[in-house]
PDB file of N, CA and C in Angstrom:
ATOM      1  N   MET A   1    -113.882 -23.951  54.800  1.00  0.00           N
ATOM      2  CA  MET A   1    -112.691 -23.718  54.113  1.00  0.00           C
ATOM      3  C   MET A   1    -111.880 -22.660  54.944  1.00  0.00           C
ATOM      4  N   HIS A   2    -110.673 -22.840  54.889  1.00  0.00           N
ATOM      5  CA  HIS A   2    -109.784 -21.846  55.620  1.00  0.00           C
ATOM      6  C   HIS A   2    -109.423 -20.734  54.671  1.00  0.00           C
ATOM      7  N   LEU A   3    -109.994 -19.603  54.873  1.00  0.00           N
ATOM      8  CA  LEU A   3    -109.815 -18.475  53.985  1.00  0.00           C
ATOM      9  C   LEU A   3    -108.356 -18.005  53.944  1.00  0.00           C
ATOM     10  N   LEU A   4    -107.710 -17.968  55.053  1.00  0.00           N
ATOM     11  CA  LEU A   4    -106.371 -17.504  55.103  1.00  0.00           C
ATOM     12  C   LEU A   4    -105.401 -18.407  54.307  1.00  0.00           C
ATOM     13  N   ILE A   5    -105.609 -19.697  54.447  1.00  0.00           N
ATOM     14  CA  ILE A   5    -104.776 -20.645  53.703  1.00  0.00           C
ATOM     15  C   ILE A   5    -105.003 -20.508  52.179  1.00  0.00           C
ATOM     16  N   ILE A   6    -106.276 -20.433  51.812  1.00  0.00           N
ATOM     17  CA  ILE A   6    -106.576 -20.277  50.395  1.00  0.00           C
ATOM     18  C   ILE A   6    -105.998 -18.930  49.832  1.00  0.00           C
ATOM     19  N   GLY A   7    -106.106 -17.914  50.606  1.00  0.00           N
ATOM     20  CA  GLY A   7    -105.560 -16.632  50.206  1.00  0.00           C
ATOM     21  C   GLY A   7    -104.051 -16.662  50.030  1.00  0.00           C
ATOM     22  N   ILE A   8    -103.376 -17.257  50.915  1.00  0.00           N
ATOM     23  CA  ILE A   8    -101.929 -17.415  50.866  1.00  0.00           C
ATOM     24  C   ILE A   8    -101.517 -18.221  49.666  1.00  0.00           C
ATOM     25  N   ILE A   9    -102.135 -19.353  49.461  1.00  0.00           N
ATOM     26  CA  ILE A   9    -101.855 -20.221  48.303  1.00  0.00           C
ATOM     27  C   ILE A   9    -102.142 -19.461  47.002  1.00  0.00           C
ATOM     28  N   THR A  10    -103.219 -18.691  46.973  1.00  0.00           N
ATOM     29  CA  THR A  10    -103.538 -17.927  45.730  1.00  0.00           C
ATOM     30  C   THR A  10    -102.420 -16.865  45.464  1.00  0.00           C
ATOM     31  N   ILE A  11    -101.969 -16.240  46.496  1.00  0.00           N
ATOM     32  CA  ILE A  11    -100.915 -15.201  46.352  1.00  0.00           C
ATOM     33  C   ILE A  11     -99.630 -15.854  45.817  1.00  0.00           C
ATOM     34  N   VAL A  12     -99.270 -17.007  46.385  1.00  0.00           N
ATOM     35  CA  VAL A  12     -98.069 -17.702  45.950  1.00  0.00           C
ATOM     36  C   VAL A  12     -98.204 -18.158  44.532  1.00  0.00           C
ATOM     37  N   ILE A  13     -99.360 -18.710  44.152  1.00  0.00           N
ATOM     38  CA  ILE A  13     -99.535 -19.136  42.743  1.00  0.00           C
ATOM     39  C   ILE A  13     -99.491 -17.930  41.853  1.00  0.00           C
ATOM     40  N   ALA A  14    -100.080 -16.800  42.241  1.00  0.00           N
ATOM     41  CA  ALA A  14    -100.097 -15.609  41.399  1.00  0.00           C
ATOM     42  C   ALA A  14     -98.667 -15.102  41.159  1.00  0.00           C
ATOM     43  N   VAL A  15     -97.883 -15.077  42.188  1.00  0.00           N
ATOM     44  CA  VAL A  15     -96.461 -14.601  41.995  1.00  0.00           C
ATOM     45  C   VAL A  15     -95.698 -15.575  41.117  1.00  0.00           C
ATOM     46  N   LEU A  16     -95.862 -16.872  41.355  1.00  0.00           N
ATOM     47  CA  LEU A  16     -95.182 -17.849  40.504  1.00  0.00           C
ATOM     48  C   LEU A  16     -95.631 -17.773  39.060  1.00  0.00           C
ATOM     49  N   GLU A  17     -96.931 -17.588  38.865  1.00  0.00           N
ATOM     50  CA  GLU A  17     -97.419 -17.412  37.447  1.00  0.00           C
ATOM     51  C   GLU A  17     -96.839 -16.207  36.799  1.00  0.00           C
ATOM     52  N   GLU A  18     -96.770 -15.107  37.556  1.00  0.00           N
ATOM     53  CA  GLU A  18     -96.316 -13.887  36.964  1.00  0.00           C
ATOM     54  C   GLU A  18     -94.863 -13.907  36.569  1.00  0.00           C
ATOM     55  N   TYR A  19     -94.028 -14.552  37.365  1.00  0.00           N
ATOM     56  CA  TYR A  19     -92.583 -14.405  37.158  1.00  0.00           C
ATOM     57  C   TYR A  19     -91.934 -15.767  36.741  1.00  0.00           C
ATOM     58  N   VAL A  20     -92.541 -16.901  36.999  1.00  0.00           N
ATOM     59  CA  VAL A  20     -91.811 -18.195  36.766  1.00  0.00           C
ATOM     60  C   VAL A  20     -92.493 -18.983  35.639  1.00  0.00           C
ATOM     61  N   PHE A  21     -93.770 -19.343  35.873  1.00  0.00           N
ATOM     62  CA  PHE A  21     -94.464 -20.243  34.933  1.00  0.00           C
ATOM     63  C   PHE A  21     -94.730 -19.687  33.580  1.00  0.00           C
ATOM     64  N   SER A  22     -94.940 -18.374  33.493  1.00  0.00           N
ATOM     65  CA  SER A  22     -95.244 -17.777  32.225  1.00  0.00           C
ATOM     66  C   SER A  22     -93.991 -17.355  31.427  1.00  0.00           C
ATOM     67  N   ALA A  23     -92.835 -17.711  31.945  1.00  0.00           N
ATOM     68  CA  ALA A  23     -91.541 -17.327  31.269  1.00  0.00           C
ATOM     69  C   ALA A  23     -91.238 -18.284  30.153  1.00  0.00           C
ATOM     70  N   SER A  24     -91.998 -19.293  29.905  1.00  0.00           N
ATOM     71  CA  SER A  24     -91.742 -20.257  28.895  1.00  0.00           C
ATOM     72  C   SER A  24     -92.111 -19.744  27.503  1.00  0.00           C
ATOM     73  N   ARG A  25     -91.501 -20.295  26.463  1.00  0.00           N
ATOM     74  CA  ARG A  25     -91.896 -19.925  25.093  1.00  0.00           C
ATOM     75  C   ARG A  25     -93.265 -20.442  24.769  1.00  0.00           C
ATOM     76  N   HIS A  26     -93.655 -21.503  25.432  1.00  0.00           N
ATOM     77  CA  HIS A  26     -94.994 -22.080  25.156  1.00  0.00           C
ATOM     78  C   HIS A  26     -96.045 -21.530  26.084  1.00  0.00           C
ATOM     79  N   PHE A  27     -97.064 -20.998  25.477  1.00  0.00           N
ATOM     80  CA  PHE A  27     -98.110 -20.315  26.265  1.00  0.00           C
ATOM     81  C   PHE A  27     -98.840 -21.223  27.200  1.00  0.00           C
ATOM     82  N   TRP A  28     -99.102 -22.464  26.818  1.00  0.00           N
ATOM     83  CA  TRP A  28     -99.945 -23.398  27.587  1.00  0.00           C
ATOM     84  C   TRP A  28     -99.233 -23.906  28.909  1.00  0.00           C
ATOM     85  N   ILE A  29     -97.939 -23.837  28.959  1.00  0.00           N
ATOM     86  CA  ILE A  29     -97.224 -24.406  30.122  1.00  0.00           C
ATOM     87  C   ILE A  29     -97.638 -23.620  31.415  1.00  0.00           C
ATOM     88  N   GLY A  30     -97.805 -22.290  31.288  1.00  0.00           N
ATOM     89  CA  GLY A  30     -98.214 -21.515  32.431  1.00  0.00           C
ATOM     90  C   GLY A  30     -99.628 -21.775  32.877  1.00  0.00           C
ATOM     91  N   GLY A  31    -100.396 -22.399  32.033  1.00  0.00           N
ATOM     92  CA  GLY A  31    -101.819 -22.650  32.417  1.00  0.00           C
ATOM     93  C   GLY A  31    -102.067 -23.912  33.192  1.00  0.00           C
ATOM     94  N   ILE A  32    -101.079 -24.771  33.343  1.00  0.00           N
ATOM     95  CA  ILE A  32    -101.253 -26.008  34.113  1.00  0.00           C
ATOM     96  C   ILE A  32    -101.624 -25.738  35.531  1.00  0.00           C
ATOM     97  N   VAL A  33    -100.854 -24.894  36.173  1.00  0.00           N
ATOM     98  CA  VAL A  33    -101.084 -24.647  37.629  1.00  0.00           C
ATOM     99  C   VAL A  33    -102.454 -23.976  37.902  1.00  0.00           C
ATOM    100  N   PRO A  34    -102.913 -22.940  37.107  1.00  0.00           N
ATOM    101  CA  PRO A  34    -104.203 -22.402  37.334  1.00  0.00           C
ATOM    102  C   PRO A  34    -105.346 -23.402  37.156  1.00  0.00           C
ATOM    103  N   ILE A  35    -105.184 -24.280  36.135  1.00  0.00           N
ATOM    104  CA  ILE A  35    -106.230 -25.301  35.952  1.00  0.00           C
ATOM    105  C   ILE A  35    -106.286 -26.255  37.092  1.00  0.00           C
ATOM    106  N   LEU A  36    -105.142 -26.701  37.575  1.00  0.00           N
ATOM    107  CA  LEU A  36    -105.047 -27.628  38.740  1.00  0.00           C
ATOM    108  C   LEU A  36    -105.645 -26.911  39.958  1.00  0.00           C
ATOM    109  N   TRP A  37    -105.342 -25.637  40.164  1.00  0.00           N
ATOM    110  CA  TRP A  37    -105.864 -24.914  41.287  1.00  0.00           C
ATOM    111  C   TRP A  37    -107.396 -24.763  41.199  1.00  0.00           C
ATOM    112  N   THR A  38    -107.892 -24.557  39.968  1.00  0.00           N
ATOM    113  CA  THR A  38    -109.352 -24.487  39.801  1.00  0.00           C
ATOM    114  C   THR A  38    -110.021 -25.781  40.150  1.00  0.00           C
ATOM    115  N   VAL A  39    -109.454 -26.863  39.763  1.00  0.00           N
ATOM    116  CA  VAL A  39    -109.955 -28.189  40.063  1.00  0.00           C
ATOM    117  C   VAL A  39    -109.980 -28.429  41.606  1.00  0.00           C
ATOM    118  N   VAL A  40    -108.875 -28.062  42.283  1.00  0.00           N
ATOM    119  CA  VAL A  40    -108.780 -28.239  43.719  1.00  0.00           C
ATOM    120  C   VAL A  40    -109.850 -27.384  44.424  1.00  0.00           C
ATOM    121  N   LEU A  41    -109.999 -26.115  44.005  1.00  0.00           N
ATOM    122  CA  LEU A  41    -110.993 -25.271  44.597  1.00  0.00           C
ATOM    123  C   LEU A  41    -112.398 -25.736  44.359  1.00  0.00           C
ATOM    124  N   ALA A  42    -112.651 -26.274  43.120  1.00  0.00           N
ATOM    125  CA  ALA A  42    -114.004 -26.789  42.814  1.00  0.00           C
ATOM    126  C   ALA A  42    -114.295 -27.964  43.722  1.00  0.00           C
ATOM    127  N   TYR A  43    -113.287 -28.839  43.935  1.00  0.00           N
ATOM    128  CA  TYR A  43    -113.472 -29.973  44.823  1.00  0.00           C
ATOM    129  C   TYR A  43    -113.782 -29.525  46.238  1.00  0.00           C
ATOM    130  N   LEU A  44    -113.022 -28.525  46.725  1.00  0.00           N
ATOM    131  CA  LEU A  44    -113.235 -28.028  48.090  1.00  0.00           C
ATOM    132  C   LEU A  44    -114.662 -27.399  48.251  1.00  0.00           C
ATOM    133  N   VAL A  45    -115.039 -26.689  47.246  1.00  0.00           N
ATOM    134  CA  VAL A  45    -116.393 -26.073  47.291  1.00  0.00           C
ATOM    135  C   VAL A  45    -117.483 -27.164  47.270  1.00  0.00           C
ATOM    136  N   ILE A  46    -117.339 -28.144  46.424  1.00  0.00           N
ATOM    137  CA  ILE A  46    -118.353 -29.191  46.378  1.00  0.00           C
ATOM    138  C   ILE A  46    -118.446 -29.969  47.683  1.00  0.00           C
ATOM    139  N   VAL A  47    -117.260 -30.341  48.265  1.00  0.00           N
ATOM    140  CA  VAL A  47    -117.225 -31.056  49.518  1.00  0.00           C
ATOM    141  C   VAL A  47    -117.785 -30.315  50.663  1.00  0.00           C
ATOM    142  N   ASN A  48    -117.526 -29.008  50.703  1.00  0.00           N
ATOM    143  CA  ASN A  48    -117.864 -28.174  51.826  1.00  0.00           C
ATOM    144  C   ASN A  48    -119.085 -27.286  51.529  1.00  0.00           C
ATOM    145  N   ALA A  49    -119.880 -27.608  50.571  1.00  0.00           N
ATOM    146  CA  ALA A  49    -120.980 -26.730  50.132  1.00  0.00           C
ATOM    147  C   ALA A  49    -121.921 -26.344  51.204  1.00  0.00           C
ATOM    148  N   MET A  50    -122.191 -27.310  52.128  1.00  0.00           N
ATOM    149  CA  MET A  50    -123.205 -27.048  53.158  1.00  0.00           C
ATOM    150  C   MET A  50    -122.689 -26.052  54.231  1.00  0.00           C
ATOM    151  N   ASP A  51    -121.403 -25.936  54.383  1.00  0.00           N
ATOM    152  CA  ASP A  51    -120.835 -25.060  55.385  1.00  0.00           C
ATOM    153  C   ASP A  51    -120.368 -23.683  54.852  1.00  0.00           C
ATOM    154  N   LEU A  52    -120.489 -23.439  53.612  1.00  0.00           N
ATOM    155  CA  LEU A  52    -120.002 -22.232  52.999  1.00  0.00           C
ATOM    156  C   LEU A  52    -121.012 -21.090  53.052  1.00  0.00           C
ATOM    157  N   ASN A  53    -120.486 -19.904  53.166  1.00  0.00           N
ATOM    158  CA  ASN A  53    -121.332 -18.739  53.100  1.00  0.00           C
ATOM    159  C   ASN A  53    -120.889 -17.855  51.925  1.00  0.00           C
ATOM    160  N   VAL A  54    -121.547 -16.692  51.758  1.00  0.00           N
ATOM    161  CA  VAL A  54    -121.237 -15.805  50.641  1.00  0.00           C
ATOM    162  C   VAL A  54    -119.766 -15.427  50.571  1.00  0.00           C
ATOM    163  N   ARG A  55    -119.196 -15.179  51.724  1.00  0.00           N
ATOM    164  CA  ARG A  55    -117.782 -14.729  51.757  1.00  0.00           C
ATOM    165  C   ARG A  55    -116.899 -15.848  51.270  1.00  0.00           C
ATOM    166  N   ASP A  56    -117.165 -17.058  51.627  1.00  0.00           N
ATOM    167  CA  ASP A  56    -116.372 -18.209  51.135  1.00  0.00           C
ATOM    168  C   ASP A  56    -116.456 -18.344  49.624  1.00  0.00           C
ATOM    169  N   TYR A  57    -117.631 -18.227  49.096  1.00  0.00           N
ATOM    170  CA  TYR A  57    -117.822 -18.320  47.619  1.00  0.00           C
ATOM    171  C   TYR A  57    -117.094 -17.156  46.896  1.00  0.00           C
ATOM    172  N   THR A  58    -117.165 -15.978  47.533  1.00  0.00           N
ATOM    173  CA  THR A  58    -116.475 -14.793  46.913  1.00  0.00           C
ATOM    174  C   THR A  58    -114.963 -15.052  46.898  1.00  0.00           C
ATOM    175  N   VAL A  59    -114.430 -15.534  47.986  1.00  0.00           N
ATOM    176  CA  VAL A  59    -113.006 -15.829  48.015  1.00  0.00           C
ATOM    177  C   VAL A  59    -112.654 -16.908  47.023  1.00  0.00           C
ATOM    178  N   ALA A  60    -113.471 -17.911  46.898  1.00  0.00           N
ATOM    179  CA  ALA A  60    -113.156 -19.017  45.911  1.00  0.00           C
ATOM    180  C   ALA A  60    -113.189 -18.493  44.513  1.00  0.00           C
ATOM    181  N   ILE A  61    -114.126 -17.579  44.170  1.00  0.00           N
ATOM    182  CA  ILE A  61    -114.177 -17.011  42.818  1.00  0.00           C
ATOM    183  C   ILE A  61    -112.973 -16.144  42.550  1.00  0.00           C
ATOM    184  N   ILE A  62    -112.562 -15.355  43.542  1.00  0.00           N
ATOM    185  CA  ILE A  62    -111.379 -14.484  43.350  1.00  0.00           C
ATOM    186  C   ILE A  62    -110.106 -15.352  43.229  1.00  0.00           C
ATOM    187  N   ALA A  63    -110.106 -16.419  44.036  1.00  0.00           N
ATOM    188  CA  ALA A  63    -108.913 -17.358  43.991  1.00  0.00           C
ATOM    189  C   ALA A  63    -108.825 -18.102  42.692  1.00  0.00           C
ATOM    190  N   VAL A  64    -109.945 -18.213  41.951  1.00  0.00           N
ATOM    191  CA  VAL A  64    -109.861 -18.853  40.634  1.00  0.00           C
ATOM    192  C   VAL A  64    -109.405 -17.791  39.583  1.00  0.00           C
ATOM    193  N   ILE A  65    -109.892 -16.623  39.705  1.00  0.00           N
ATOM    194  CA  ILE A  65    -109.685 -15.561  38.628  1.00  0.00           C
ATOM    195  C   ILE A  65    -108.201 -15.079  38.699  1.00  0.00           C
ATOM    196  N   VAL A  66    -107.674 -14.847  39.879  1.00  0.00           N
ATOM    197  CA  VAL A  66    -106.346 -14.236  40.025  1.00  0.00           C
ATOM    198  C   VAL A  66    -105.201 -14.974  39.314  1.00  0.00           C
ATOM    199  N   PRO A  67    -105.123 -16.289  39.441  1.00  0.00           N
ATOM    200  CA  PRO A  67    -103.996 -17.007  38.754  1.00  0.00           C
ATOM    201  C   PRO A  67    -104.105 -16.885  37.197  1.00  0.00           C
ATOM    202  N   TYR A  68    -105.352 -16.898  36.656  1.00  0.00           N
ATOM    203  CA  TYR A  68    -105.491 -16.733  35.216  1.00  0.00           C
ATOM    204  C   TYR A  68    -105.042 -15.347  34.737  1.00  0.00           C
ATOM    205  N   VAL A  69    -105.427 -14.354  35.525  1.00  0.00           N
ATOM    206  CA  VAL A  69    -105.047 -12.990  35.164  1.00  0.00           C
ATOM    207  C   VAL A  69    -103.536 -12.853  35.204  1.00  0.00           C
ATOM    208  N   CYS A  70    -102.879 -13.350  36.254  1.00  0.00           N
ATOM    209  CA  CYS A  70    -101.407 -13.273  36.370  1.00  0.00           C
ATOM    210  C   CYS A  70    -100.728 -14.112  35.323  1.00  0.00           C
ATOM    211  N   TRP A  71    -101.337 -15.201  34.889  1.00  0.00           N
ATOM    212  CA  TRP A  71    -100.748 -16.030  33.791  1.00  0.00           C
ATOM    213  C   TRP A  71    -100.785 -15.161  32.503  1.00  0.00           C
ATOM    214  N   GLY A  72    -101.863 -14.525  32.235  1.00  0.00           N
ATOM    215  CA  GLY A  72    -101.962 -13.703  31.031  1.00  0.00           C
ATOM    216  C   GLY A  72    -101.006 -12.470  31.078  1.00  0.00           C
ATOM    217  N   ASN A  73    -100.923 -11.844  32.232  1.00  0.00           N
ATOM    218  CA  ASN A  73    -100.032 -10.683  32.331  1.00  0.00           C
ATOM    219  C   ASN A  73     -98.529 -11.133  32.187  1.00  0.00           C
ATOM    220  N   GLY A  74     -98.164 -12.178  32.869  1.00  0.00           N
ATOM    221  CA  GLY A  74     -96.812 -12.685  32.754  1.00  0.00           C
ATOM    222  C   GLY A  74     -96.462 -13.152  31.413  1.00  0.00           C
ATOM    223  N   SER A  75     -97.393 -13.848  30.758  1.00  0.00           N
ATOM    224  CA  SER A  75     -97.141 -14.287  29.374  1.00  0.00           C
ATOM    225  C   SER A  75     -96.955 -13.127  28.433  1.00  0.00           C
ATOM    226  N   GLN A  76     -97.814 -12.092  28.587  1.00  0.00           N
ATOM    227  CA  GLN A  76     -97.709 -10.897  27.704  1.00  0.00           C
ATOM    228  C   GLN A  76     -96.399 -10.184  27.953  1.00  0.00           C
ATOM    229  N   ARG A  77     -95.988 -10.033  29.204  1.00  0.00           N
ATOM    230  CA  ARG A  77     -94.727  -9.378  29.581  1.00  0.00           C
ATOM    231  C   ARG A  77     -93.516 -10.066  28.907  1.00  0.00           C
ATOM    232  N   HIS A  78     -93.526 -11.437  29.047  1.00  0.00           N
ATOM    233  CA  HIS A  78     -92.398 -12.185  28.526  1.00  0.00           C
ATOM    234  C   HIS A  78     -92.452 -12.212  26.919  1.00  0.00           C
ATOM    235  N   ALA A  79     -93.623 -12.173  26.360  1.00  0.00           N
ATOM    236  CA  ALA A  79     -93.665 -12.016  24.933  1.00  0.00           C
ATOM    237  C   ALA A  79     -93.180 -10.694  24.458  1.00  0.00           C
ATOM    238  N   ASP A  80     -93.517  -9.661  25.198  1.00  0.00           N
ATOM    239  CA  ASP A  80     -92.971  -8.350  24.812  1.00  0.00           C
ATOM    240  C   ASP A  80     -91.446  -8.283  24.950  1.00  0.00           C
ATOM    241  N   ARG A  81     -90.867  -8.916  25.966  1.00  0.00           N
ATOM    242  CA  ARG A  81     -89.460  -8.933  26.107  1.00  0.00           C
ATOM    243  C   ARG A  81     -88.770  -9.709  24.940  1.00  0.00           C
ATOM    244  N   ARG A  82     -89.397 -10.804  24.491  1.00  0.00           N
ATOM    245  CA  ARG A  82     -88.797 -11.580  23.410  1.00  0.00           C
ATOM    246  C   ARG A  82     -88.851 -10.804  22.080  1.00  0.00           C
ATOM    247  N   HIS A  83     -89.857  -9.971  21.907  1.00  0.00           N
ATOM    248  CA  HIS A  83     -89.991  -9.257  20.650  1.00  0.00           C
ATOM    249  C   HIS A  83     -89.121  -7.999  20.579  1.00  0.00           C
ATOM    250  N   SER A  84     -88.638  -7.549  21.765  1.00  0.00           N
ATOM    251  CA  SER A  84     -87.836  -6.321  21.748  1.00  0.00           C
ATOM    252  C   SER A  84     -86.345  -6.680  21.869  1.00  0.00           C
TER     253      SER A  84
END
């Protein structure tokens, strides 16, 4: 797996989640991209399992967690804005 490419894609997804996808009134809309990203990463890990080391698995785990955290943060921020 190319760690730099996965890192860049994760950062882009995190920024988009934080400011764009979570701006909807519907909570679930922002979750579509993290779920798709999780599926893509799972596929990459399964296909490349023989060539991966601990660092690759660590990056994959972080790349899965970050978009969900940003989705929750962005959704909470936009909910707070709507209530005030």
